[in-house]
N, C-alpha and C. Protein backbone atom coordinates (compact mmCIF):
# COMPACT_ATOMS: atom_id res chain seq x y z
N UNK A 1 0.83 -1.18 0.00
CA UNK A 1 0.00 0.00 0.00
C UNK A 1 0.88 1.24 0.00
N UNK A 2 0.47 2.21 -0.75
CA UNK A 2 1.22 3.45 -0.86
C UNK A 2 0.95 4.32 0.36
N UNK A 3 2.01 4.89 0.88
CA UNK A 3 1.85 5.82 2.01
C UNK A 3 1.13 7.07 1.54
N UNK A 4 0.42 7.71 2.43
CA UNK A 4 -0.23 8.96 2.10
C UNK A 4 0.04 9.96 3.20
N UNK A 5 -0.12 11.20 2.86
CA UNK A 5 0.03 12.27 3.83
C UNK A 5 -1.28 13.04 3.89
N UNK A 6 -1.87 13.09 5.07
CA UNK A 6 -3.08 13.87 5.26
C UNK A 6 -2.65 15.26 5.71
N UNK A 7 -3.46 16.25 5.40
CA UNK A 7 -3.08 17.60 5.77
C UNK A 7 -4.30 18.50 5.93
N UNK A 8 -4.06 19.60 6.60
CA UNK A 8 -5.03 20.70 6.70
C UNK A 8 -4.21 21.98 6.71
N UNK A 9 -4.80 23.04 6.21
CA UNK A 9 -4.08 24.31 6.14
C UNK A 9 -5.04 25.47 6.37
N UNK A 10 -4.50 26.55 6.87
CA UNK A 10 -5.26 27.78 7.04
C UNK A 10 -4.27 28.93 7.03
N UNK A 11 -4.77 30.14 6.86
CA UNK A 11 -3.86 31.29 6.84
C UNK A 11 -4.53 32.51 7.43
N UNK A 12 -3.68 33.48 7.80
CA UNK A 12 -4.14 34.73 8.39
C UNK A 12 -3.03 35.77 8.25
N UNK A 13 -3.21 36.90 8.95
CA UNK A 13 -2.15 37.91 8.95
C UNK A 13 -1.03 37.48 9.92
N UNK A 14 0.01 38.27 10.03
CA UNK A 14 1.18 37.88 10.83
C UNK A 14 1.08 38.21 12.31
N UNK A 15 -0.03 38.77 12.79
CA UNK A 15 -0.16 39.08 14.21
C UNK A 15 -0.06 37.80 15.04
N UNK A 16 0.62 37.85 16.16
CA UNK A 16 0.82 36.68 17.02
C UNK A 16 -0.50 36.07 17.47
N UNK A 17 -1.46 36.90 17.87
CA UNK A 17 -2.75 36.38 18.33
C UNK A 17 -3.46 35.64 17.19
N UNK A 18 -3.35 36.14 15.97
CA UNK A 18 -3.97 35.47 14.82
C UNK A 18 -3.29 34.14 14.55
N UNK A 19 -1.97 34.13 14.66
CA UNK A 19 -1.21 32.88 14.37
C UNK A 19 -1.58 31.78 15.36
N UNK A 20 -1.69 32.12 16.64
CA UNK A 20 -2.05 31.11 17.64
C UNK A 20 -3.43 30.51 17.34
N UNK A 21 -4.37 31.36 16.97
CA UNK A 21 -5.72 30.89 16.63
C UNK A 21 -5.69 29.99 15.40
N UNK A 22 -4.92 30.38 14.40
CA UNK A 22 -4.84 29.59 13.17
C UNK A 22 -4.16 28.25 13.43
N UNK A 23 -3.13 28.22 14.26
CA UNK A 23 -2.48 26.95 14.61
C UNK A 23 -3.48 25.99 15.24
N UNK A 24 -4.25 26.50 16.21
CA UNK A 24 -5.25 25.66 16.89
C UNK A 24 -6.33 25.20 15.92
N UNK A 25 -6.82 26.12 15.09
CA UNK A 25 -7.88 25.76 14.15
C UNK A 25 -7.39 24.76 13.11
N UNK A 26 -6.18 24.92 12.62
CA UNK A 26 -5.64 24.00 11.62
C UNK A 26 -5.49 22.60 12.21
N UNK A 27 -5.03 22.51 13.45
CA UNK A 27 -4.92 21.20 14.10
C UNK A 27 -6.29 20.55 14.27
N UNK A 28 -7.29 21.33 14.62
CA UNK A 28 -8.64 20.78 14.79
C UNK A 28 -9.23 20.34 13.45
N UNK A 29 -9.05 21.14 12.42
CA UNK A 29 -9.55 20.75 11.09
C UNK A 29 -8.88 19.46 10.63
N UNK A 30 -7.60 19.33 10.90
CA UNK A 30 -6.91 18.08 10.53
C UNK A 30 -7.50 16.89 11.27
N UNK A 31 -7.73 17.03 12.58
CA UNK A 31 -8.34 15.93 13.35
C UNK A 31 -9.69 15.54 12.78
N UNK A 32 -10.47 16.52 12.34
CA UNK A 32 -11.80 16.24 11.82
C UNK A 32 -11.78 15.65 10.42
N UNK A 33 -10.88 16.11 9.58
CA UNK A 33 -10.88 15.71 8.18
C UNK A 33 -9.96 14.54 7.84
N UNK A 34 -9.02 14.22 8.71
CA UNK A 34 -8.09 13.12 8.41
C UNK A 34 -8.80 11.80 8.11
N UNK A 35 -9.80 11.39 8.92
CA UNK A 35 -10.48 10.13 8.60
C UNK A 35 -11.08 10.12 7.19
N UNK A 36 -11.68 11.22 6.76
CA UNK A 36 -12.25 11.27 5.41
C UNK A 36 -11.18 11.17 4.33
N UNK A 37 -10.05 11.82 4.54
CA UNK A 37 -8.96 11.73 3.57
C UNK A 37 -8.44 10.30 3.47
N UNK A 38 -8.29 9.64 4.60
CA UNK A 38 -7.80 8.25 4.61
C UNK A 38 -8.83 7.33 3.94
N UNK A 39 -10.11 7.48 4.29
CA UNK A 39 -11.15 6.63 3.71
C UNK A 39 -11.24 6.80 2.20
N UNK A 40 -11.15 8.02 1.71
CA UNK A 40 -11.23 8.24 0.27
C UNK A 40 -10.07 7.55 -0.45
N UNK A 41 -8.88 7.63 0.12
CA UNK A 41 -7.71 6.97 -0.48
C UNK A 41 -7.85 5.46 -0.41
N UNK A 42 -8.28 4.95 0.74
CA UNK A 42 -8.46 3.51 0.90
C UNK A 42 -9.55 2.99 -0.04
N UNK A 43 -10.63 3.74 -0.19
CA UNK A 43 -11.73 3.32 -1.07
C UNK A 43 -11.25 3.21 -2.52
N UNK A 44 -10.46 4.17 -2.96
CA UNK A 44 -9.93 4.11 -4.33
C UNK A 44 -9.07 2.86 -4.50
N UNK A 45 -8.26 2.53 -3.50
CA UNK A 45 -7.43 1.33 -3.58
C UNK A 45 -8.29 0.07 -3.58
N UNK A 46 -9.32 0.04 -2.74
CA UNK A 46 -10.19 -1.14 -2.70
C UNK A 46 -10.87 -1.36 -4.05
N UNK A 47 -11.36 -0.30 -4.65
CA UNK A 47 -12.03 -0.44 -5.96
C UNK A 47 -11.05 -0.86 -7.04
N UNK A 48 -9.80 -0.43 -6.93
CA UNK A 48 -8.78 -0.86 -7.90
C UNK A 48 -8.49 -2.35 -7.75
N UNK A 49 -8.56 -2.87 -6.53
CA UNK A 49 -8.29 -4.29 -6.27
C UNK A 49 -9.50 -5.18 -6.55
N UNK A 50 -10.69 -4.60 -6.62
CA UNK A 50 -11.93 -5.38 -6.63
C UNK A 50 -12.37 -5.82 -8.01
N UNK A 51 -13.01 -6.97 -8.04
CA UNK A 51 -13.83 -7.39 -9.17
C UNK A 51 -15.26 -7.14 -8.71
N UNK A 52 -15.89 -6.17 -9.34
CA UNK A 52 -17.16 -5.68 -8.84
C UNK A 52 -18.33 -6.52 -9.33
N UNK A 53 -19.11 -7.07 -8.39
CA UNK A 53 -20.35 -7.75 -8.72
C UNK A 53 -21.50 -6.76 -8.65
N UNK A 54 -22.71 -7.23 -8.89
CA UNK A 54 -23.88 -6.37 -8.80
C UNK A 54 -24.94 -7.04 -7.94
N UNK A 55 -25.80 -6.20 -7.39
CA UNK A 55 -26.92 -6.68 -6.59
C UNK A 55 -28.08 -5.70 -6.79
N UNK A 56 -29.30 -6.21 -6.71
CA UNK A 56 -30.48 -5.38 -6.95
C UNK A 56 -30.78 -4.45 -5.79
N UNK A 57 -30.39 -4.83 -4.57
CA UNK A 57 -30.69 -4.01 -3.41
C UNK A 57 -29.64 -4.26 -2.33
N UNK A 58 -29.73 -3.51 -1.25
CA UNK A 58 -28.72 -3.61 -0.20
C UNK A 58 -28.76 -4.95 0.51
N UNK A 59 -29.94 -5.54 0.64
CA UNK A 59 -30.05 -6.85 1.30
C UNK A 59 -29.30 -7.90 0.49
N UNK A 60 -29.50 -7.91 -0.81
CA UNK A 60 -28.78 -8.86 -1.68
C UNK A 60 -27.28 -8.60 -1.67
N UNK A 61 -26.90 -7.33 -1.65
CA UNK A 61 -25.48 -6.97 -1.64
C UNK A 61 -24.80 -7.48 -0.38
N UNK A 62 -25.41 -7.25 0.76
CA UNK A 62 -24.84 -7.72 2.01
C UNK A 62 -24.81 -9.25 2.04
N UNK A 63 -25.85 -9.89 1.53
CA UNK A 63 -25.86 -11.35 1.46
C UNK A 63 -24.70 -11.89 0.64
N UNK A 64 -24.42 -11.27 -0.50
CA UNK A 64 -23.30 -11.71 -1.34
C UNK A 64 -21.96 -11.53 -0.63
N UNK A 65 -21.80 -10.39 0.05
CA UNK A 65 -20.54 -10.16 0.75
C UNK A 65 -20.38 -11.09 1.94
N UNK A 66 -21.45 -11.33 2.67
CA UNK A 66 -21.34 -12.25 3.80
C UNK A 66 -21.06 -13.68 3.33
N UNK A 67 -21.61 -14.06 2.20
CA UNK A 67 -21.29 -15.38 1.64
C UNK A 67 -19.82 -15.45 1.25
N UNK A 68 -19.30 -14.40 0.63
CA UNK A 68 -17.89 -14.38 0.24
C UNK A 68 -16.98 -14.43 1.48
N UNK A 69 -17.34 -13.69 2.52
CA UNK A 69 -16.56 -13.73 3.75
C UNK A 69 -16.63 -15.12 4.40
N UNK A 70 -17.80 -15.74 4.35
CA UNK A 70 -17.95 -17.09 4.93
C UNK A 70 -17.10 -18.10 4.17
N UNK A 71 -17.04 -18.00 2.85
CA UNK A 71 -16.22 -18.93 2.05
C UNK A 71 -14.74 -18.87 2.43
N UNK A 72 -14.29 -17.70 2.83
CA UNK A 72 -12.88 -17.56 3.20
C UNK A 72 -12.66 -17.68 4.70
N UNK A 73 -13.75 -17.91 5.43
CA UNK A 73 -13.71 -18.04 6.89
C UNK A 73 -13.07 -16.80 7.53
N UNK A 74 -13.46 -15.64 7.00
CA UNK A 74 -12.92 -14.37 7.47
C UNK A 74 -14.00 -13.60 8.23
N UNK A 75 -13.65 -13.15 9.42
CA UNK A 75 -14.51 -12.18 10.11
C UNK A 75 -13.94 -10.83 9.71
N UNK A 76 -14.66 -10.13 8.87
CA UNK A 76 -14.08 -8.95 8.26
C UNK A 76 -14.86 -7.68 8.46
N UNK A 77 -14.59 -6.77 7.54
CA UNK A 77 -15.21 -5.45 7.54
C UNK A 77 -16.03 -5.28 6.28
N UNK A 78 -17.16 -4.61 6.41
CA UNK A 78 -17.95 -4.21 5.25
C UNK A 78 -17.91 -2.69 5.18
N UNK A 79 -17.22 -2.18 4.16
CA UNK A 79 -17.03 -0.74 3.99
C UNK A 79 -18.17 -0.20 3.14
N UNK A 80 -18.75 0.92 3.56
CA UNK A 80 -19.88 1.50 2.83
C UNK A 80 -19.95 3.00 3.06
N UNK A 81 -20.56 3.68 2.12
CA UNK A 81 -20.81 5.11 2.24
C UNK A 81 -21.69 5.36 3.45
N UNK A 82 -21.42 6.45 4.15
CA UNK A 82 -22.28 6.84 5.27
C UNK A 82 -23.72 7.03 4.82
N UNK A 83 -23.91 7.34 3.54
CA UNK A 83 -25.26 7.52 3.00
C UNK A 83 -26.08 6.25 2.96
N UNK A 84 -25.45 5.09 3.10
CA UNK A 84 -26.18 3.81 3.08
C UNK A 84 -26.54 3.31 4.49
N UNK A 85 -26.08 3.99 5.52
CA UNK A 85 -26.32 3.52 6.89
C UNK A 85 -27.81 3.47 7.22
N UNK A 86 -28.55 4.49 6.85
CA UNK A 86 -29.98 4.52 7.15
C UNK A 86 -30.72 3.39 6.44
N UNK A 87 -30.36 3.17 5.18
CA UNK A 87 -31.01 2.10 4.42
C UNK A 87 -30.67 0.73 5.02
N UNK A 88 -29.41 0.52 5.39
CA UNK A 88 -29.03 -0.75 6.02
C UNK A 88 -29.76 -0.95 7.33
N UNK A 89 -29.91 0.11 8.12
CA UNK A 89 -30.64 0.00 9.38
C UNK A 89 -32.12 -0.30 9.13
N UNK A 90 -32.69 0.38 8.16
CA UNK A 90 -34.11 0.17 7.82
C UNK A 90 -34.37 -1.28 7.42
N UNK A 91 -33.41 -1.87 6.73
CA UNK A 91 -33.56 -3.25 6.26
C UNK A 91 -33.15 -4.28 7.31
N UNK A 92 -32.79 -3.81 8.51
CA UNK A 92 -32.43 -4.73 9.59
C UNK A 92 -31.07 -5.37 9.43
N UNK A 93 -30.17 -4.70 8.74
CA UNK A 93 -28.85 -5.26 8.47
C UNK A 93 -27.79 -4.82 9.47
N UNK A 94 -28.21 -4.06 10.48
CA UNK A 94 -27.27 -3.55 11.48
C UNK A 94 -27.73 -3.96 12.87
N UNK A 95 -26.81 -4.54 13.63
CA UNK A 95 -27.01 -4.77 15.05
C UNK A 95 -25.86 -4.09 15.78
N UNK A 96 -26.06 -3.82 17.05
CA UNK A 96 -25.01 -3.16 17.83
C UNK A 96 -24.35 -4.16 18.76
N UNK A 97 -23.04 -4.03 18.84
CA UNK A 97 -22.26 -4.76 19.82
C UNK A 97 -21.46 -3.69 20.56
N UNK A 98 -22.05 -3.14 21.62
CA UNK A 98 -21.47 -1.96 22.26
C UNK A 98 -21.63 -0.79 21.31
N UNK A 99 -20.53 -0.16 20.97
CA UNK A 99 -20.59 0.96 20.03
C UNK A 99 -20.25 0.54 18.60
N UNK A 100 -20.01 -0.76 18.39
CA UNK A 100 -19.64 -1.27 17.07
C UNK A 100 -20.89 -1.75 16.34
N UNK A 101 -21.00 -1.36 15.05
CA UNK A 101 -22.12 -1.79 14.23
C UNK A 101 -21.75 -3.09 13.53
N UNK A 102 -22.62 -4.08 13.61
CA UNK A 102 -22.35 -5.41 13.06
C UNK A 102 -23.38 -5.78 12.01
N UNK A 103 -22.94 -6.59 11.04
CA UNK A 103 -23.84 -7.14 10.02
C UNK A 103 -24.57 -8.35 10.62
N UNK A 104 -25.53 -8.93 9.90
CA UNK A 104 -26.24 -10.09 10.44
C UNK A 104 -25.34 -11.25 10.86
N UNK A 105 -24.21 -11.47 10.16
CA UNK A 105 -23.31 -12.56 10.53
C UNK A 105 -22.14 -12.10 11.41
N UNK A 106 -22.17 -10.87 11.88
CA UNK A 106 -21.17 -10.41 12.83
C UNK A 106 -19.96 -9.69 12.26
N UNK A 107 -20.00 -9.35 10.98
CA UNK A 107 -18.91 -8.56 10.41
C UNK A 107 -19.12 -7.10 10.80
N UNK A 108 -18.04 -6.35 10.89
CA UNK A 108 -18.12 -4.96 11.33
C UNK A 108 -18.41 -4.04 10.15
N UNK A 109 -19.43 -3.22 10.32
CA UNK A 109 -19.74 -2.18 9.32
C UNK A 109 -18.76 -1.03 9.50
N UNK A 110 -18.27 -0.49 8.41
CA UNK A 110 -17.45 0.72 8.42
C UNK A 110 -18.14 1.71 7.48
N UNK A 111 -18.98 2.56 8.07
CA UNK A 111 -19.64 3.62 7.30
C UNK A 111 -18.77 4.85 7.41
N UNK A 112 -18.32 5.38 6.28
CA UNK A 112 -17.42 6.52 6.36
C UNK A 112 -17.80 7.68 5.48
N UNK A 113 -17.52 8.87 5.97
CA UNK A 113 -17.73 10.07 5.17
C UNK A 113 -16.78 10.14 3.98
N UNK A 114 -15.60 9.56 4.11
CA UNK A 114 -14.66 9.51 2.99
C UNK A 114 -15.07 8.53 1.92
N UNK A 115 -16.02 7.65 2.24
CA UNK A 115 -16.52 6.68 1.26
C UNK A 115 -17.68 7.22 0.43
N UNK A 116 -18.28 8.33 0.85
CA UNK A 116 -19.50 8.84 0.20
C UNK A 116 -19.30 9.02 -1.30
N UNK A 117 -18.31 9.80 -1.70
CA UNK A 117 -18.11 10.07 -3.12
C UNK A 117 -17.38 8.92 -3.83
N UNK A 118 -16.47 8.25 -3.13
CA UNK A 118 -15.65 7.23 -3.79
C UNK A 118 -16.40 5.91 -3.96
N UNK A 119 -17.07 5.44 -2.91
CA UNK A 119 -17.79 4.16 -3.01
C UNK A 119 -19.21 4.35 -3.52
N UNK A 120 -19.87 5.43 -3.14
CA UNK A 120 -21.25 5.65 -3.59
C UNK A 120 -22.15 4.50 -3.19
N UNK A 121 -22.64 3.73 -4.18
CA UNK A 121 -23.55 2.61 -3.91
C UNK A 121 -22.82 1.26 -3.89
N UNK A 122 -21.52 1.31 -3.76
CA UNK A 122 -20.73 0.07 -3.72
C UNK A 122 -20.43 -0.30 -2.27
N UNK A 123 -20.45 -1.59 -2.00
CA UNK A 123 -20.06 -2.14 -0.71
C UNK A 123 -18.83 -3.00 -0.94
N UNK A 124 -17.87 -2.95 -0.03
CA UNK A 124 -16.64 -3.72 -0.17
C UNK A 124 -16.38 -4.47 1.13
N UNK A 125 -16.05 -5.76 1.01
CA UNK A 125 -15.70 -6.57 2.17
C UNK A 125 -14.20 -6.85 2.14
N UNK A 126 -13.55 -6.59 3.28
CA UNK A 126 -12.12 -6.87 3.41
C UNK A 126 -11.85 -7.60 4.71
N UNK A 127 -10.66 -8.15 4.79
CA UNK A 127 -10.16 -8.61 6.08
C UNK A 127 -9.96 -7.36 6.94
N UNK A 128 -9.72 -7.51 8.24
CA UNK A 128 -9.51 -6.32 9.07
C UNK A 128 -8.38 -5.45 8.52
N UNK A 129 -8.53 -4.16 8.68
CA UNK A 129 -7.49 -3.22 8.22
C UNK A 129 -6.45 -3.05 9.31
N UNK A 130 -5.29 -2.62 8.90
CA UNK A 130 -4.21 -2.31 9.83
C UNK A 130 -3.44 -1.13 9.27
N UNK A 131 -2.64 -0.52 10.08
CA UNK A 131 -1.92 0.63 9.57
C UNK A 131 -0.86 1.13 10.52
N UNK A 132 -0.12 2.07 10.02
CA UNK A 132 0.93 2.74 10.76
C UNK A 132 0.79 4.22 10.49
N UNK A 133 1.04 5.03 11.51
CA UNK A 133 0.98 6.47 11.30
C UNK A 133 2.03 7.16 12.15
N UNK A 134 2.52 8.25 11.60
CA UNK A 134 3.46 9.08 12.33
C UNK A 134 2.71 10.15 13.10
N UNK A 135 3.44 11.02 13.75
CA UNK A 135 2.80 12.09 14.51
C UNK A 135 2.27 13.18 13.57
N UNK A 136 1.23 13.88 14.01
CA UNK A 136 0.76 15.05 13.28
C UNK A 136 1.75 16.18 13.57
N UNK A 137 2.19 16.84 12.51
CA UNK A 137 3.21 17.88 12.65
C UNK A 137 2.65 19.21 12.15
N UNK A 138 2.83 20.25 12.96
CA UNK A 138 2.43 21.60 12.57
C UNK A 138 3.64 22.29 11.94
N UNK A 139 3.44 22.80 10.72
CA UNK A 139 4.50 23.54 10.03
C UNK A 139 4.00 24.96 9.79
N UNK A 140 4.89 25.91 10.00
CA UNK A 140 4.54 27.32 9.85
C UNK A 140 5.22 27.89 8.61
N UNK A 141 4.51 28.74 7.90
CA UNK A 141 5.05 29.37 6.70
C UNK A 141 4.69 30.85 6.68
N UNK A 142 5.42 31.65 7.43
CA UNK A 142 5.14 33.09 7.40
C UNK A 142 5.76 33.74 6.16
N UNK A 143 5.10 34.77 5.67
CA UNK A 143 5.62 35.52 4.53
C UNK A 143 5.53 37.01 4.85
N UNK A 144 6.68 37.62 5.09
CA UNK A 144 6.72 39.05 5.41
C UNK A 144 6.31 39.90 4.21
N UNK A 145 6.60 39.42 3.02
CA UNK A 145 6.31 40.19 1.80
C UNK A 145 4.82 40.47 1.61
N UNK A 146 3.98 39.52 1.99
CA UNK A 146 2.54 39.69 1.79
C UNK A 146 1.77 39.73 3.11
N UNK A 147 2.51 39.85 4.25
CA UNK A 147 1.88 39.89 5.57
C UNK A 147 0.92 38.73 5.77
N UNK A 148 1.43 37.53 5.52
CA UNK A 148 0.57 36.35 5.60
C UNK A 148 1.28 35.24 6.37
N UNK A 149 0.50 34.56 7.17
CA UNK A 149 0.97 33.41 7.94
C UNK A 149 0.15 32.20 7.51
N UNK A 150 0.82 31.13 7.14
CA UNK A 150 0.14 29.91 6.73
C UNK A 150 0.55 28.80 7.69
N UNK A 151 -0.43 28.09 8.21
CA UNK A 151 -0.18 26.93 9.08
C UNK A 151 -0.61 25.67 8.32
N UNK A 152 0.24 24.66 8.40
CA UNK A 152 -0.04 23.37 7.75
C UNK A 152 0.17 22.28 8.78
N UNK A 153 -0.82 21.42 8.95
CA UNK A 153 -0.68 20.25 9.80
C UNK A 153 -0.72 19.04 8.88
N UNK A 154 0.25 18.16 9.05
CA UNK A 154 0.29 16.97 8.19
C UNK A 154 0.72 15.75 8.98
N UNK A 155 0.32 14.59 8.46
CA UNK A 155 0.71 13.31 9.06
C UNK A 155 0.87 12.30 7.93
N UNK A 156 1.91 11.49 8.01
CA UNK A 156 2.12 10.42 7.05
C UNK A 156 1.63 9.11 7.66
N UNK A 157 0.98 8.30 6.83
CA UNK A 157 0.45 7.04 7.32
C UNK A 157 0.24 6.05 6.18
N UNK A 158 0.03 4.81 6.56
CA UNK A 158 -0.28 3.73 5.63
C UNK A 158 -1.42 2.92 6.24
N UNK A 159 -2.44 2.62 5.44
CA UNK A 159 -3.53 1.74 5.87
C UNK A 159 -3.67 0.65 4.83
N UNK A 160 -3.83 -0.58 5.27
CA UNK A 160 -3.96 -1.69 4.33
C UNK A 160 -4.84 -2.80 4.88
N UNK A 161 -4.93 -3.85 4.11
CA UNK A 161 -5.68 -5.04 4.51
C UNK A 161 -5.00 -6.24 3.88
N UNK A 162 -5.21 -7.40 4.47
CA UNK A 162 -4.59 -8.61 3.94
C UNK A 162 -5.29 -9.06 2.67
N UNK A 163 -6.63 -8.97 2.65
CA UNK A 163 -7.36 -9.47 1.49
C UNK A 163 -8.62 -8.65 1.24
N UNK A 164 -8.86 -8.35 -0.01
CA UNK A 164 -10.14 -7.81 -0.42
C UNK A 164 -10.98 -9.04 -0.79
N UNK A 165 -12.06 -9.26 -0.06
CA UNK A 165 -12.84 -10.48 -0.20
C UNK A 165 -13.92 -10.36 -1.28
N UNK A 166 -14.53 -9.19 -1.40
CA UNK A 166 -15.57 -9.01 -2.41
C UNK A 166 -16.04 -7.58 -2.47
N UNK A 167 -16.68 -7.25 -3.58
CA UNK A 167 -17.25 -5.91 -3.75
C UNK A 167 -18.50 -6.02 -4.60
N UNK A 168 -19.51 -5.25 -4.24
CA UNK A 168 -20.80 -5.32 -4.93
C UNK A 168 -21.32 -3.90 -5.15
N UNK A 169 -21.84 -3.66 -6.33
CA UNK A 169 -22.51 -2.39 -6.63
C UNK A 169 -24.01 -2.62 -6.60
N UNK A 170 -24.70 -1.78 -5.85
CA UNK A 170 -26.16 -1.86 -5.80
C UNK A 170 -26.70 -1.11 -7.01
N UNK A 171 -27.40 -1.81 -7.88
CA UNK A 171 -27.90 -1.19 -9.12
C UNK A 171 -29.35 -0.74 -8.99
């Protein structure tokens, strides 16, 4: 898996009080947006690895993925757009195990905001994900010429999985 760097940036004038506020805000924006950046990158990789099947509805799609996971004897993850969570719940495809959302056969649902545009109506089943990440680093870029201060927070990381088990597009 290719490493990626997540980031957030903001800018203001060179006043010290403004810079402190921008540093704090940039760090917070990074904390909020990093999961979406990672999910969008992971989703693109999953779709590149997948042979995409089709299903008429979400119930059939989940059934196909759970069958594929059962064939490999994998307790895995089902990745889906956050936009499909309500439909999956309406169809009785979600149970709770503490704060974790589970499929009918006990696989973990991963509904993500970063999956909304990339996965859309596609569901992907994988083995559990794993990853490595470095620290989030704040970098400052003041410019006296234009009276501007730019703050950048970035982190390098890698997220992967052992196996992509199946993928289905709801048509």
